[in-house]
Amino acid sequence: MFSPLDILYIVLAFCVLWFTAALFWLLWQIAMIFRNINTAVSELREKLIKIEEAITFIRGKFDHASSMLTMLVSGVGKVVDYAMEKRREAPSSKPFKAKHKKIVQEDSDE
């Protein structure tokens, strides 16, 4: 039958087989962990790019609005300056006359 040395070699062969299977399973798990990390990082990059685009869009809108507001303020300032000049040029000896509206009330017989 089998000598003790043959049985030892058979047991060692099974041990090497199980060790190889365990090592392969461990490497597979590590590879899956790295794959999941890579997927998560890719999704994070996509989300960060979308956030960056949104912030750039909002910044552009604020820049455009602030330039329009600057033009509006300068325009209002010119109108106020024009009104102040007209007020200075107007003769101040004119008396102020209040305009009174007549209120007409009609009697209605119902």
PDB file of N, CA and C in Angstrom:
ATOM      1  N   MET A   1       0.805  -1.195   0.000  1.00  0.00           N
ATOM      2  CA  MET A   1       0.000   0.000   0.000  1.00  0.00           C
ATOM      3  C   MET A   1       0.850   1.262   0.000  1.00  0.00           C
ATOM      4  N   PHE A   2       0.407   2.224   0.834  1.00  0.00           N
ATOM      5  CA  PHE A   2       1.139   3.486   0.861  1.00  0.00           C
ATOM      6  C   PHE A   2       2.117   3.520   2.020  1.00  0.00           C
ATOM      7  N   SER A   3       3.247   3.946   1.743  1.00  0.00           N
ATOM      8  CA  SER A   3       4.236   4.109   2.804  1.00  0.00           C
ATOM      9  C   SER A   3       3.965   5.430   3.526  1.00  0.00           C
ATOM     10  N   PRO A   4       4.492   5.628   4.705  1.00  0.00           N
ATOM     11  CA  PRO A   4       4.278   6.881   5.422  1.00  0.00           C
ATOM     12  C   PRO A   4       4.818   8.092   4.649  1.00  0.00           C
ATOM     13  N   LEU A   5       5.862   7.903   3.881  1.00  0.00           N
ATOM     14  CA  LEU A   5       6.414   9.007   3.091  1.00  0.00           C
ATOM     15  C   LEU A   5       5.438   9.386   1.974  1.00  0.00           C
ATOM     16  N   ASP A   6       4.777   8.394   1.345  1.00  0.00           N
ATOM     17  CA  ASP A   6       3.776   8.685   0.298  1.00  0.00           C
ATOM     18  C   ASP A   6       2.594   9.446   0.877  1.00  0.00           C
ATOM     19  N   ILE A   7       2.160   9.040   2.043  1.00  0.00           N
ATOM     20  CA  ILE A   7       1.033   9.743   2.695  1.00  0.00           C
ATOM     21  C   ILE A   7       1.437  11.180   3.020  1.00  0.00           C
ATOM     22  N   LEU A   8       2.661  11.381   3.453  1.00  0.00           N
ATOM     23  CA  LEU A   8       3.160  12.733   3.730  1.00  0.00           C
ATOM     24  C   LEU A   8       3.130  13.580   2.465  1.00  0.00           C
ATOM     25  N   TYR A   9       3.594  13.036   1.360  1.00  0.00           N
ATOM     26  CA  TYR A   9       3.584  13.785   0.103  1.00  0.00           C
ATOM     27  C   TYR A   9       2.152  14.112  -0.353  1.00  0.00           C
ATOM     28  N   ILE A  10       1.227  13.177  -0.158  1.00  0.00           N
ATOM     29  CA  ILE A  10      -0.175  13.431  -0.536  1.00  0.00           C
ATOM     30  C   ILE A  10      -0.753  14.542   0.338  1.00  0.00           C
ATOM     31  N   VAL A  11      -0.506  14.504   1.616  1.00  0.00           N
ATOM     32  CA  VAL A  11      -0.993  15.546   2.533  1.00  0.00           C
ATOM     33  C   VAL A  11      -0.360  16.881   2.188  1.00  0.00           C
ATOM     34  N   LEU A  12       0.938  16.888   1.925  1.00  0.00           N
ATOM     35  CA  LEU A  12       1.603  18.145   1.538  1.00  0.00           C
ATOM     36  C   LEU A  12       1.052  18.683   0.219  1.00  0.00           C
ATOM     37  N   ALA A  13       0.717  17.823  -0.705  1.00  0.00           N
ATOM     38  CA  ALA A  13       0.140  18.271  -1.980  1.00  0.00           C
ATOM     39  C   ALA A  13      -1.223  18.928  -1.750  1.00  0.00           C
ATOM     40  N   PHE A  14      -2.045  18.321  -0.879  1.00  0.00           N
ATOM     41  CA  PHE A  14      -3.340  18.938  -0.561  1.00  0.00           C
ATOM     42  C   PHE A  14      -3.157  20.258   0.181  1.00  0.00           C
ATOM     43  N   CYS A  15      -2.178  20.325   1.039  1.00  0.00           N
ATOM     44  CA  CYS A  15      -1.898  21.587   1.750  1.00  0.00           C
ATOM     45  C   CYS A  15      -1.472  22.681   0.778  1.00  0.00           C
ATOM     46  N   VAL A  16      -0.623  22.354  -0.155  1.00  0.00           N
ATOM     47  CA  VAL A  16      -0.194  23.339  -1.163  1.00  0.00           C
ATOM     48  C   VAL A  16      -1.391  23.763  -2.009  1.00  0.00           C
ATOM     49  N   LEU A  17      -2.248  22.806  -2.346  1.00  0.00           N
ATOM     50  CA  LEU A  17      -3.458  23.119  -3.120  1.00  0.00           C
ATOM     51  C   LEU A  17      -4.365  24.085  -2.361  1.00  0.00           C
ATOM     52  N   TRP A  18      -4.640  23.809  -1.079  1.00  0.00           N
ATOM     53  CA  TRP A  18      -5.480  24.686  -0.270  1.00  0.00           C
ATOM     54  C   TRP A  18      -4.803  26.041  -0.052  1.00  0.00           C
ATOM     55  N   PHE A  19      -3.509  26.056   0.159  1.00  0.00           N
ATOM     56  CA  PHE A  19      -2.787  27.324   0.328  1.00  0.00           C
ATOM     57  C   PHE A  19      -2.885  28.164  -0.940  1.00  0.00           C
ATOM     58  N   THR A  20      -2.745  27.525  -2.104  1.00  0.00           N
ATOM     59  CA  THR A  20      -2.851  28.228  -3.382  1.00  0.00           C
ATOM     60  C   THR A  20      -4.259  28.776  -3.568  1.00  0.00           C
ATOM     61  N   ALA A  21      -5.277  27.986  -3.217  1.00  0.00           N
ATOM     62  CA  ALA A  21      -6.668  28.451  -3.341  1.00  0.00           C
ATOM     63  C   ALA A  21      -6.924  29.630  -2.409  1.00  0.00           C
ATOM     64  N   ALA A  22      -6.423  29.552  -1.185  1.00  0.00           N
ATOM     65  CA  ALA A  22      -6.610  30.649  -0.230  1.00  0.00           C
ATOM     66  C   ALA A  22      -5.889  31.907  -0.708  1.00  0.00           C
ATOM     67  N   LEU A  23      -4.686  31.743  -1.227  1.00  0.00           N
ATOM     68  CA  LEU A  23      -3.932  32.885  -1.746  1.00  0.00           C
ATOM     69  C   LEU A  23      -4.650  33.523  -2.931  1.00  0.00           C
ATOM     70  N   PHE A  24      -5.176  32.680  -3.824  1.00  0.00           N
ATOM     71  CA  PHE A  24      -5.927  33.192  -4.969  1.00  0.00           C
ATOM     72  C   PHE A  24      -7.159  33.942  -4.506  1.00  0.00           C
ATOM     73  N   TRP A  25      -7.900  33.401  -3.520  1.00  0.00           N
ATOM     74  CA  TRP A  25      -9.100  34.066  -2.999  1.00  0.00           C
ATOM     75  C   TRP A  25      -8.732  35.417  -2.372  1.00  0.00           C
ATOM     76  N   LEU A  26      -7.619  35.462  -1.623  1.00  0.00           N
ATOM     77  CA  LEU A  26      -7.169  36.709  -0.999  1.00  0.00           C
ATOM     78  C   LEU A  26      -6.819  37.754  -2.060  1.00  0.00           C
ATOM     79  N   LEU A  27      -6.095  37.346  -3.086  1.00  0.00           N
ATOM     80  CA  LEU A  27      -5.759  38.284  -4.168  1.00  0.00           C
ATOM     81  C   LEU A  27      -7.017  38.776  -4.886  1.00  0.00           C
ATOM     82  N   TRP A  28      -7.995  37.885  -5.067  1.00  0.00           N
ATOM     83  CA  TRP A  28      -9.257  38.262  -5.713  1.00  0.00           C
ATOM     84  C   TRP A  28     -10.001  39.313  -4.871  1.00  0.00           C
ATOM     85  N   GLN A  29     -10.045  39.106  -3.562  1.00  0.00           N
ATOM     86  CA  GLN A  29     -10.718  40.066  -2.682  1.00  0.00           C
ATOM     87  C   GLN A  29     -10.013  41.428  -2.703  1.00  0.00           C
ATOM     88  N   ILE A  30      -8.686  41.413  -2.704  1.00  0.00           N
ATOM     89  CA  ILE A  30      -7.930  42.673  -2.767  1.00  0.00           C
ATOM     90  C   ILE A  30      -8.191  43.384  -4.093  1.00  0.00           C
ATOM     91  N   ALA A  31      -8.247  42.634  -5.177  1.00  0.00           N
ATOM     92  CA  ALA A  31      -8.527  43.226  -6.487  1.00  0.00           C
ATOM     93  C   ALA A  31      -9.928  43.824  -6.520  1.00  0.00           C
ATOM     94  N   MET A  32     -10.906  43.161  -5.922  1.00  0.00           N
ATOM     95  CA  MET A  32     -12.275  43.689  -5.884  1.00  0.00           C
ATOM     96  C   MET A  32     -12.361  44.963  -5.034  1.00  0.00           C
ATOM     97  N   ILE A  33     -11.610  44.998  -3.947  1.00  0.00           N
ATOM     98  CA  ILE A  33     -11.577  46.204  -3.120  1.00  0.00           C
ATOM     99  C   ILE A  33     -10.995  47.372  -3.911  1.00  0.00           C
ATOM    100  N   PHE A  34      -9.892  47.130  -4.626  1.00  0.00           N
ATOM    101  CA  PHE A  34      -9.292  48.191  -5.445  1.00  0.00           C
ATOM    102  C   PHE A  34     -10.234  48.620  -6.564  1.00  0.00           C
ATOM    103  N   ARG A  35     -10.974  47.664  -7.137  1.00  0.00           N
ATOM    104  CA  ARG A  35     -11.939  48.008  -8.196  1.00  0.00           C
ATOM    105  C   ARG A  35     -13.046  48.892  -7.647  1.00  0.00           C
ATOM    106  N   ASN A  36     -13.549  48.556  -6.456  1.00  0.00           N
ATOM    107  CA  ASN A  36     -14.599  49.379  -5.836  1.00  0.00           C
ATOM    108  C   ASN A  36     -14.076  50.776  -5.502  1.00  0.00           C
ATOM    109  N   ILE A  37     -12.842  50.842  -5.027  1.00  0.00           N
ATOM    110  CA  ILE A  37     -12.250  52.152  -4.734  1.00  0.00           C
ATOM    111  C   ILE A  37     -12.110  52.963  -6.013  1.00  0.00           C
ATOM    112  N   ASN A  38     -11.673  52.316  -7.096  1.00  0.00           N
ATOM    113  CA  ASN A  38     -11.517  53.006  -8.370  1.00  0.00           C
ATOM    114  C   ASN A  38     -12.865  53.515  -8.877  1.00  0.00           C
ATOM    115  N   THR A  39     -13.906  52.701  -8.748  1.00  0.00           N
ATOM    116  CA  THR A  39     -15.248  53.122  -9.169  1.00  0.00           C
ATOM    117  C   THR A  39     -15.732  54.307  -8.339  1.00  0.00           C
ATOM    118  N   ALA A  40     -15.522  54.250  -7.032  1.00  0.00           N
ATOM    119  CA  ALA A  40     -15.947  55.345  -6.156  1.00  0.00           C
ATOM    120  C   ALA A  40     -15.197  56.631  -6.486  1.00  0.00           C
ATOM    121  N   VAL A  41     -13.907  56.525  -6.748  1.00  0.00           N
ATOM    122  CA  VAL A  41     -13.114  57.712  -7.083  1.00  0.00           C
ATOM    123  C   VAL A  41     -13.572  58.294  -8.429  1.00  0.00           C
ATOM    124  N   SER A  42     -13.898  57.440  -9.380  1.00  0.00           N
ATOM    125  CA  SER A  42     -14.385  57.923 -10.680  1.00  0.00           C
ATOM    126  C   SER A  42     -15.713  58.662 -10.523  1.00  0.00           C
ATOM    127  N   GLU A  43     -16.620  58.101  -9.728  1.00  0.00           N
ATOM    128  CA  GLU A  43     -17.894  58.774  -9.483  1.00  0.00           C
ATOM    129  C   GLU A  43     -17.677  60.098  -8.760  1.00  0.00           C
ATOM    130  N   LEU A  44     -16.762  60.111  -7.810  1.00  0.00           N
ATOM    131  CA  LEU A  44     -16.454  61.340  -7.084  1.00  0.00           C
ATOM    132  C   LEU A  44     -15.904  62.401  -8.034  1.00  0.00           C
ATOM    133  N   ARG A  45     -15.030  62.003  -8.943  1.00  0.00           N
ATOM    134  CA  ARG A  45     -14.493  62.956  -9.926  1.00  0.00           C
ATOM    135  C   ARG A  45     -15.601  63.533 -10.792  1.00  0.00           C
ATOM    136  N   GLU A  46     -16.531  62.685 -11.237  1.00  0.00           N
ATOM    137  CA  GLU A  46     -17.639  63.168 -12.062  1.00  0.00           C
ATOM    138  C   GLU A  46     -18.495  64.165 -11.290  1.00  0.00           C
ATOM    139  N   LYS A  47     -18.772  63.861 -10.036  1.00  0.00           N
ATOM    140  CA  LYS A  47     -19.579  64.772  -9.224  1.00  0.00           C
ATOM    141  C   LYS A  47     -18.841  66.079  -8.974  1.00  0.00           C
ATOM    142  N   LEU A  48     -17.548  66.008  -8.732  1.00  0.00           N
ATOM    143  CA  LEU A  48     -16.769  67.230  -8.519  1.00  0.00           C
ATOM    144  C   LEU A  48     -16.718  68.082  -9.789  1.00  0.00           C
ATOM    145  N   ILE A  49     -16.644  67.435 -10.945  1.00  0.00           N
ATOM    146  CA  ILE A  49     -16.654  68.177 -12.210  1.00  0.00           C
ATOM    147  C   ILE A  49     -18.000  68.882 -12.379  1.00  0.00           C
ATOM    148  N   LYS A  50     -19.104  68.191 -12.045  1.00  0.00           N
ATOM    149  CA  LYS A  50     -20.426  68.812 -12.145  1.00  0.00           C
ATOM    150  C   LYS A  50     -20.551  69.977 -11.177  1.00  0.00           C
ATOM    151  N   ILE A  51     -20.034  69.817  -9.961  1.00  0.00           N
ATOM    152  CA  ILE A  51     -20.078  70.910  -8.982  1.00  0.00           C
ATOM    153  C   ILE A  51     -19.253  72.086  -9.472  1.00  0.00           C
ATOM    154  N   GLU A  52     -18.084  71.798 -10.040  1.00  0.00           N
ATOM    155  CA  GLU A  52     -17.227  72.872 -10.559  1.00  0.00           C
ATOM    156  C   GLU A  52     -17.918  73.609 -11.706  1.00  0.00           C
ATOM    157  N   GLU A  53     -18.592  72.867 -12.589  1.00  0.00           N
ATOM    158  CA  GLU A  53     -19.311  73.509 -13.687  1.00  0.00           C
ATOM    159  C   GLU A  53     -20.440  74.375 -13.161  1.00  0.00           C
ATOM    160  N   ALA A  54     -21.158  73.897 -12.135  1.00  0.00           N
ATOM    161  CA  ALA A  54     -22.251  74.680 -11.559  1.00  0.00           C
ATOM    162  C   ALA A  54     -21.721  75.958 -10.916  1.00  0.00           C
ATOM    163  N   ILE A  55     -20.615  75.848 -10.193  1.00  0.00           N
ATOM    164  CA  ILE A  55     -20.037  77.030  -9.553  1.00  0.00           C
ATOM    165  C   ILE A  55     -19.545  78.016 -10.609  1.00  0.00           C
ATOM    166  N   THR A  56     -18.944  77.523 -11.673  1.00  0.00           N
ATOM    167  CA  THR A  56     -18.494  78.398 -12.756  1.00  0.00           C
ATOM    168  C   THR A  56     -19.686  79.095 -13.405  1.00  0.00           C
ATOM    169  N   PHE A  57     -20.768  78.366 -13.617  1.00  0.00           N
ATOM    170  CA  PHE A  57     -21.978  78.950 -14.210  1.00  0.00           C
ATOM    171  C   PHE A  57     -22.542  80.047 -13.308  1.00  0.00           C
ATOM    172  N   ILE A  58     -22.632  79.755 -11.997  1.00  0.00           N
ATOM    173  CA  ILE A  58     -23.163  80.749 -11.057  1.00  0.00           C
ATOM    174  C   ILE A  58     -22.243  81.958 -10.991  1.00  0.00           C
ATOM    175  N   ARG A  59     -20.933  81.731 -11.000  1.00  0.00           N
ATOM    176  CA  ARG A  59     -19.985  82.847 -10.964  1.00  0.00           C
ATOM    177  C   ARG A  59     -20.148  83.728 -12.207  1.00  0.00           C
ATOM    178  N   GLY A  60     -20.340  83.095 -13.356  1.00  0.00           N
ATOM    179  CA  GLY A  60     -20.559  83.857 -14.578  1.00  0.00           C
ATOM    180  C   GLY A  60     -21.825  84.691 -14.507  1.00  0.00           C
ATOM    181  N   LYS A  61     -22.882  84.098 -13.944  1.00  0.00           N
ATOM    182  CA  LYS A  61     -24.137  84.848 -13.783  1.00  0.00           C
ATOM    183  C   LYS A  61     -23.946  86.030 -12.855  1.00  0.00           C
ATOM    184  N   PHE A  62     -23.219  85.829 -11.737  1.00  0.00           N
ATOM    185  CA  PHE A  62     -22.980  86.933 -10.820  1.00  0.00           C
ATOM    186  C   PHE A  62     -22.113  88.007 -11.468  1.00  0.00           C
ATOM    187  N   ASP A  63     -21.111  87.605 -12.230  1.00  0.00           N
ATOM    188  CA  ASP A  63     -20.273  88.584 -12.919  1.00  0.00           C
ATOM    189  C   ASP A  63     -21.098  89.394 -13.903  1.00  0.00           C
ATOM    190  N   HIS A  64     -21.958  88.713 -14.648  1.00  0.00           N
ATOM    191  CA  HIS A  64     -22.808  89.403 -15.619  1.00  0.00           C
ATOM    192  C   HIS A  64     -23.778  90.343 -14.899  1.00  0.00           C
ATOM    193  N   ALA A  65     -24.373  89.856 -13.802  1.00  0.00           N
ATOM    194  CA  ALA A  65     -25.320  90.678 -13.057  1.00  0.00           C
ATOM    195  C   ALA A  65     -24.616  91.874 -12.427  1.00  0.00           C
ATOM    196  N   SER A  66     -23.418  91.674 -11.923  1.00  0.00           N
ATOM    197  CA  SER A  66     -22.710  92.792 -11.299  1.00  0.00           C
ATOM    198  C   SER A  66     -22.303  93.828 -12.339  1.00  0.00           C
ATOM    199  N   SER A  67     -21.947  93.397 -13.543  1.00  0.00           N
ATOM    200  CA  SER A  67     -21.616  94.376 -14.574  1.00  0.00           C
ATOM    201  C   SER A  67     -22.863  95.142 -14.995  1.00  0.00           C
ATOM    202  N   MET A  68     -24.000  94.445 -15.063  1.00  0.00           N
ATOM    203  CA  MET A  68     -25.250  95.136 -15.394  1.00  0.00           C
ATOM    204  C   MET A  68     -25.640  96.092 -14.267  1.00  0.00           C
ATOM    205  N   LEU A  69     -25.432  95.677 -13.022  1.00  0.00           N
ATOM    206  CA  LEU A  69     -25.748  96.530 -11.887  1.00  0.00           C
ATOM    207  C   LEU A  69     -24.844  97.761 -11.891  1.00  0.00           C
ATOM    208  N   THR A  70     -23.591  97.595 -12.258  1.00  0.00           N
ATOM    209  CA  THR A  70     -22.670  98.728 -12.340  1.00  0.00           C
ATOM    210  C   THR A  70     -23.151  99.731 -13.374  1.00  0.00           C
ATOM    211  N   MET A  71     -23.578  99.220 -14.535  1.00  0.00           N
ATOM    212  CA  MET A  71     -24.098 100.130 -15.565  1.00  0.00           C
ATOM    213  C   MET A  71     -25.380 100.806 -15.083  1.00  0.00           C
ATOM    214  N   LEU A  72     -26.242 100.077 -14.387  1.00  0.00           N
ATOM    215  CA  LEU A  72     -27.492 100.641 -13.891  1.00  0.00           C
ATOM    216  C   LEU A  72     -27.221 101.730 -12.859  1.00  0.00           C
ATOM    217  N   VAL A  73     -26.295 101.486 -11.959  1.00  0.00           N
ATOM    218  CA  VAL A  73     -25.963 102.473 -10.934  1.00  0.00           C
ATOM    219  C   VAL A  73     -25.358 103.717 -11.568  1.00  0.00           C
ATOM    220  N   SER A  74     -24.479 103.532 -12.543  1.00  0.00           N
ATOM    221  CA  SER A  74     -23.890 104.709 -13.199  1.00  0.00           C
ATOM    222  C   SER A  74     -24.953 105.474 -13.967  1.00  0.00           C
ATOM    223  N   GLY A  75     -25.898 104.767 -14.578  1.00  0.00           N
ATOM    224  CA  GLY A  75     -26.990 105.445 -15.288  1.00  0.00           C
ATOM    225  C   GLY A  75     -27.879 106.222 -14.343  1.00  0.00           C
ATOM    226  N   VAL A  76     -28.222 105.635 -13.214  1.00  0.00           N
ATOM    227  CA  VAL A  76     -29.039 106.332 -12.224  1.00  0.00           C
ATOM    228  C   VAL A  76     -28.275 107.524 -11.673  1.00  0.00           C
ATOM    229  N   GLY A  77     -26.978 107.370 -11.465  1.00  0.00           N
ATOM    230  CA  GLY A  77     -26.163 108.484 -10.988  1.00  0.00           C
ATOM    231  C   GLY A  77     -26.172 109.650 -11.968  1.00  0.00           C
ATOM    232  N   LYS A  78     -26.111 109.345 -13.260  1.00  0.00           N
ATOM    233  CA  LYS A  78     -26.152 110.408 -14.268  1.00  0.00           C
ATOM    234  C   LYS A  78     -27.511 111.098 -14.274  1.00  0.00           C
ATOM    235  N   VAL A  79     -28.583 110.317 -14.110  1.00  0.00           N
ATOM    236  CA  VAL A  79     -29.924 110.912 -14.056  1.00  0.00           C
ATOM    237  C   VAL A  79     -30.055 111.810 -12.840  1.00  0.00           C
ATOM    238  N   VAL A  80     -29.541 111.387 -11.701  1.00  0.00           N
ATOM    239  CA  VAL A  80     -29.603 112.208 -10.488  1.00  0.00           C
ATOM    240  C   VAL A  80     -28.768 113.471 -10.672  1.00  0.00           C
ATOM    241  N   ASP A  81     -27.589 113.362 -11.265  1.00  0.00           N
ATOM    242  CA  ASP A  81     -26.761 114.549 -11.536  1.00  0.00           C
ATOM    243  C   ASP A  81     -27.490 115.509 -12.464  1.00  0.00           C
ATOM    244  N   TYR A  82     -28.134 114.973 -13.486  1.00  0.00           N
ATOM    245  CA  TYR A  82     -28.886 115.805 -14.423  1.00  0.00           C
ATOM    246  C   TYR A  82     -30.023 116.514 -13.695  1.00  0.00           C
ATOM    247  N   ALA A  83     -30.748 115.798 -12.846  1.00  0.00           N
ATOM    248  CA  ALA A  83     -31.856 116.403 -12.101  1.00  0.00           C
ATOM    249  C   ALA A  83     -31.346 117.465 -11.142  1.00  0.00           C
ATOM    250  N   MET A  84     -30.216 117.228 -10.500  1.00  0.00           N
ATOM    251  CA  MET A  84     -29.652 118.233  -9.587  1.00  0.00           C
ATOM    252  C   MET A  84     -29.215 119.478 -10.341  1.00  0.00           C
ATOM    253  N   GLU A  85     -28.634 119.315 -11.529  1.00  0.00           N
ATOM    254  CA  GLU A  85     -28.244 120.479 -12.331  1.00  0.00           C
ATOM    255  C   GLU A  85     -29.466 121.277 -12.751  1.00  0.00           C
ATOM    256  N   LYS A  86     -30.511 120.588 -13.170  1.00  0.00           N
ATOM    257  CA  LYS A  86     -31.738 121.286 -13.567  1.00  0.00           C
ATOM    258  C   LYS A  86     -32.343 122.027 -12.387  1.00  0.00           C
ATOM    259  N   ARG A  87     -32.253 121.438 -11.218  1.00  0.00           N
ATOM    260  CA  ARG A  87     -32.803 122.091 -10.028  1.00  0.00           C
ATOM    261  C   ARG A  87     -31.987 123.331  -9.691  1.00  0.00           C
ATOM    262  N   ARG A  88     -30.682 123.299  -9.879  1.00  0.00           N
ATOM    263  CA  ARG A  88     -29.841 124.463  -9.605  1.00  0.00           C
ATOM    264  C   ARG A  88     -30.088 125.568 -10.625  1.00  0.00           C
ATOM    265  N   GLU A  89     -30.319 125.143 -11.891  1.00  0.00           N
ATOM    266  CA  GLU A  89     -30.543 126.125 -12.943  1.00  0.00           C
ATOM    267  C   GLU A  89     -31.912 126.774 -12.844  1.00  0.00           C
ATOM    268  N   ALA A  90     -32.865 126.089 -12.274  1.00  0.00           N
ATOM    269  CA  ALA A  90     -34.228 126.631 -12.180  1.00  0.00           C
ATOM    270  C   ALA A  90     -34.210 127.830 -11.235  1.00  0.00           C
ATOM    271  N   PRO A  91     -34.965 128.881 -11.614  1.00  0.00           N
ATOM    272  CA  PRO A  91     -35.007 130.060 -10.726  1.00  0.00           C
ATOM    273  C   PRO A  91     -35.680 129.706  -9.404  1.00  0.00           C
ATOM    274  N   SER A  92     -35.045 130.138  -8.344  1.00  0.00           N
ATOM    275  CA  SER A  92     -35.560 129.798  -7.024  1.00  0.00           C
ATOM    276  C   SER A  92     -36.581 130.818  -6.548  1.00  0.00           C
ATOM    277  N   SER A  93     -36.836 131.902  -7.328  1.00  0.00           N
ATOM    278  CA  SER A  93     -37.785 132.930  -6.909  1.00  0.00           C
ATOM    279  C   SER A  93     -39.222 132.518  -7.213  1.00  0.00           C
ATOM    280  N   LYS A  94     -39.436 131.464  -7.947  1.00  0.00           N
ATOM    281  CA  LYS A  94     -40.789 131.013  -8.242  1.00  0.00           C
ATOM    282  C   LYS A  94     -41.433 130.475  -6.971  1.00  0.00           C
ATOM    283  N   PRO A  95     -42.600 130.979  -6.687  1.00  0.00           N
ATOM    284  CA  PRO A  95     -43.284 130.436  -5.510  1.00  0.00           C
ATOM    285  C   PRO A  95     -43.850 129.042  -5.838  1.00  0.00           C
ATOM    286  N   PHE A  96     -43.930 128.278  -4.833  1.00  0.00           N
ATOM    287  CA  PHE A  96     -44.457 126.939  -5.004  1.00  0.00           C
ATOM    288  C   PHE A  96     -45.962 127.001  -4.928  1.00  0.00           C
ATOM    289  N   LYS A  97     -46.602 126.509  -5.964  1.00  0.00           N
ATOM    290  CA  LYS A  97     -48.054 126.480  -5.985  1.00  0.00           C
ATOM    291  C   LYS A  97     -48.501 125.030  -5.926  1.00  0.00           C
ATOM    292  N   ALA A  98     -49.347 124.780  -4.991  1.00  0.00           N
ATOM    293  CA  ALA A  98     -49.884 123.442  -4.867  1.00  0.00           C
ATOM    294  C   ALA A  98     -51.099 123.328  -5.766  1.00  0.00           C
ATOM    295  N   LYS A  99     -51.165 122.286  -6.463  1.00  0.00           N
ATOM    296  CA  LYS A  99     -52.318 122.049  -7.316  1.00  0.00           C
ATOM    297  C   LYS A  99     -53.340 121.265  -6.523  1.00  0.00           C
ATOM    298  N   HIS A 100     -54.533 121.827  -6.486  1.00  0.00           N
ATOM    299  CA  HIS A 100     -55.607 121.154  -5.770  1.00  0.00           C
ATOM    300  C   HIS A 100     -56.560 120.570  -6.783  1.00  0.00           C
ATOM    301  N   LYS A 101     -56.942 119.366  -6.532  1.00  0.00           N
ATOM    302  CA  LYS A 101     -57.923 118.745  -7.398  1.00  0.00           C
ATOM    303  C   LYS A 101     -59.281 118.910  -6.763  1.00  0.00           C
ATOM    304  N   LYS A 102     -60.228 119.199  -7.617  1.00  0.00           N
ATOM    305  CA  LYS A 102     -61.580 119.319  -7.119  1.00  0.00           C
ATOM    306  C   LYS A 102     -62.213 117.941  -7.095  1.00  0.00           C
ATOM    307  N   ILE A 103     -62.839 117.669  -5.992  1.00  0.00           N
ATOM    308  CA  ILE A 103     -63.505 116.395  -5.874  1.00  0.00           C
ATOM    309  C   ILE A 103     -64.976 116.621  -6.189  1.00  0.00           C
ATOM    310  N   VAL A 104     -65.407 115.965  -7.194  1.00  0.00           N
ATOM    311  CA  VAL A 104     -66.789 116.116  -7.616  1.00  0.00           C
ATOM    312  C   VAL A 104     -67.538 114.879  -7.154  1.00  0.00           C
ATOM    313  N   GLN A 105     -68.608 115.135  -6.410  1.00  0.00           N
ATOM    314  CA  GLN A 105     -69.390 114.031  -5.903  1.00  0.00           C
ATOM    315  C   GLN A 105     -70.782 114.141  -6.490  1.00  0.00           C
ATOM    316  N   GLU A 106     -71.175 113.113  -7.143  1.00  0.00           N
ATOM    317  CA  GLU A 106     -72.492 113.114  -7.758  1.00  0.00           C
ATOM    318  C   GLU A 106     -73.477 112.427  -6.838  1.00  0.00           C
ATOM    319  N   ASP A 107     -74.604 113.065  -6.708  1.00  0.00           N
ATOM    320  CA  ASP A 107     -75.660 112.443  -5.895  1.00  0.00           C
ATOM    321  C   ASP A 107     -76.433 111.498  -6.790  1.00  0.00           C
ATOM    322  N   SER A 108     -76.532 110.299  -6.372  1.00  0.00           N
ATOM    323  CA  SER A 108     -77.291 109.354  -7.164  1.00  0.00           C
ATOM    324  C   SER A 108     -78.443 108.840  -6.328  1.00  0.00           C
ATOM    325  N   ASP A 109     -79.626 108.847  -6.940  1.00  0.00           N
ATOM    326  CA  ASP A 109     -80.827 108.363  -6.244  1.00  0.00           C
ATOM    327  C   ASP A 109     -81.086 106.935  -6.655  1.00  0.00           C
ATOM    328  N   GLU A 110     -80.955 106.086  -5.776  1.00  0.00           N
ATOM    329  CA  GLU A 110     -81.172 104.689  -6.082  1.00  0.00           C
ATOM    330  C   GLU A 110     -82.328 104.162  -5.318  1.00  0.00           C
TER     331      GLU A 110
END
